[in-house]
Structures are given as structure tokens and as C-alpha cells.
Amino acid sequence: MKILILLFGLTAAFGAAGKKTASDVEEIKHRQELRELERYPNLLPEVVITISRDSLIK
């Protein structure tokens, strides 16, 4: 019985460690992606709105 409890405890510990490692890897991936995006300039298109002066006088 003691060995079953020990095996269950070890399994739970390995599962928790794996879950923590997966979340750490996910966080590192997000940080690297943000770091890559900081190198690029603003890629949003620049919109210039022009209007003739005649249409403002109406």
C-alpha cells in the first residue's frame, strides 16, 4: 500500500513539473515573439486624408 502511495506521489510530482515546464516554455515563446516585433517599424498603413478647400467653404 505504501508503494502505491509513493508511486502516486511521484506521478503527481512529475505531472506538476511537466505542467510548470510547459507554461514556462509558453511564456518564453511569447517573450521572444514580443522581442522580435520590437525590431520592426510600425507596419500599419499611413492614411492621409486630403480635402479641397472649396468643399470646406460650402
Protein backbone atom coordinates (compact mmCIF):
# COMPACT_ATOMS: atom_id res chain seq x y z
CA MET A 1 0.00 0.00 0.00
CA LYS A 2 2.84 2.36 0.85
CA ILE A 3 4.44 1.76 -2.53
CA LEU A 4 1.20 2.68 -4.30
CA ILE A 5 1.01 5.95 -2.40
CA LEU A 6 4.67 6.60 -3.24
CA LEU A 7 4.08 5.87 -6.93
CA PHE A 8 1.01 8.12 -6.96
CA GLY A 9 3.03 10.90 -5.31
CA LEU A 10 5.85 10.55 -7.82
CA THR A 11 3.41 10.58 -10.72
CA ALA A 12 1.73 13.71 -9.38
CA ALA A 13 5.11 15.39 -8.87
CA PHE A 14 6.23 14.59 -12.42
CA GLY A 15 2.91 15.83 -13.78
CA ALA A 16 3.19 19.09 -11.88
CA ALA A 17 6.78 19.57 -13.04
CA GLY A 18 5.78 18.92 -16.64
CA LYS A 19 2.91 21.37 -16.42
CA LYS A 20 5.19 24.06 -14.95
CA THR A 21 7.79 23.45 -17.65
CA ALA A 22 5.15 23.73 -20.39
CA SER A 23 3.88 27.05 -19.00
CA ASP A 24 7.46 28.35 -18.74
CA VAL A 25 8.17 27.39 -22.35
CA GLU A 26 4.96 29.12 -23.45
CA GLU A 27 5.95 32.30 -21.58
CA ILE A 28 9.44 32.26 -23.11
CA LYS A 29 7.91 31.85 -26.57
CA HIS A 30 5.69 34.91 -26.00
CA ARG A 31 8.63 36.98 -24.77
CA GLN A 32 10.72 36.05 -27.82
CA GLU A 33 7.86 36.95 -30.15
CA LEU A 34 7.44 40.36 -28.48
CA ARG A 35 11.20 40.93 -28.69
CA GLU A 36 11.13 40.15 -32.43
CA LEU A 37 8.22 42.50 -33.03
CA GLU A 38 10.00 45.37 -31.27
CA ARG A 39 12.66 45.33 -34.01
CA TYR A 40 10.18 46.03 -36.79
CA PRO A 41 8.89 49.53 -37.53
CA ASN A 42 5.21 50.31 -37.31
CA LEU A 43 3.75 48.37 -40.22
CA LEU A 44 0.34 49.99 -40.11
CA PRO A 45 -0.50 51.86 -43.29
CA GLU A 46 -0.35 55.62 -43.13
CA VAL A 47 -3.61 57.21 -44.19
CA VAL A 48 -3.54 60.78 -45.43
CA ILE A 49 -6.90 62.44 -45.83
CA THR A 50 -6.94 65.35 -48.21
CA ILE A 51 -9.86 67.61 -48.95
CA SER A 52 -10.15 70.53 -51.31
CA ARG A 53 -10.63 73.98 -49.91
CA ASP A 54 -13.75 74.55 -51.96
CA SER A 55 -15.62 71.81 -50.19
CA LEU A 56 -14.86 73.42 -46.82
CA ILE A 57 -16.37 76.79 -47.80
CA LYS A 58 -19.85 75.39 -48.54
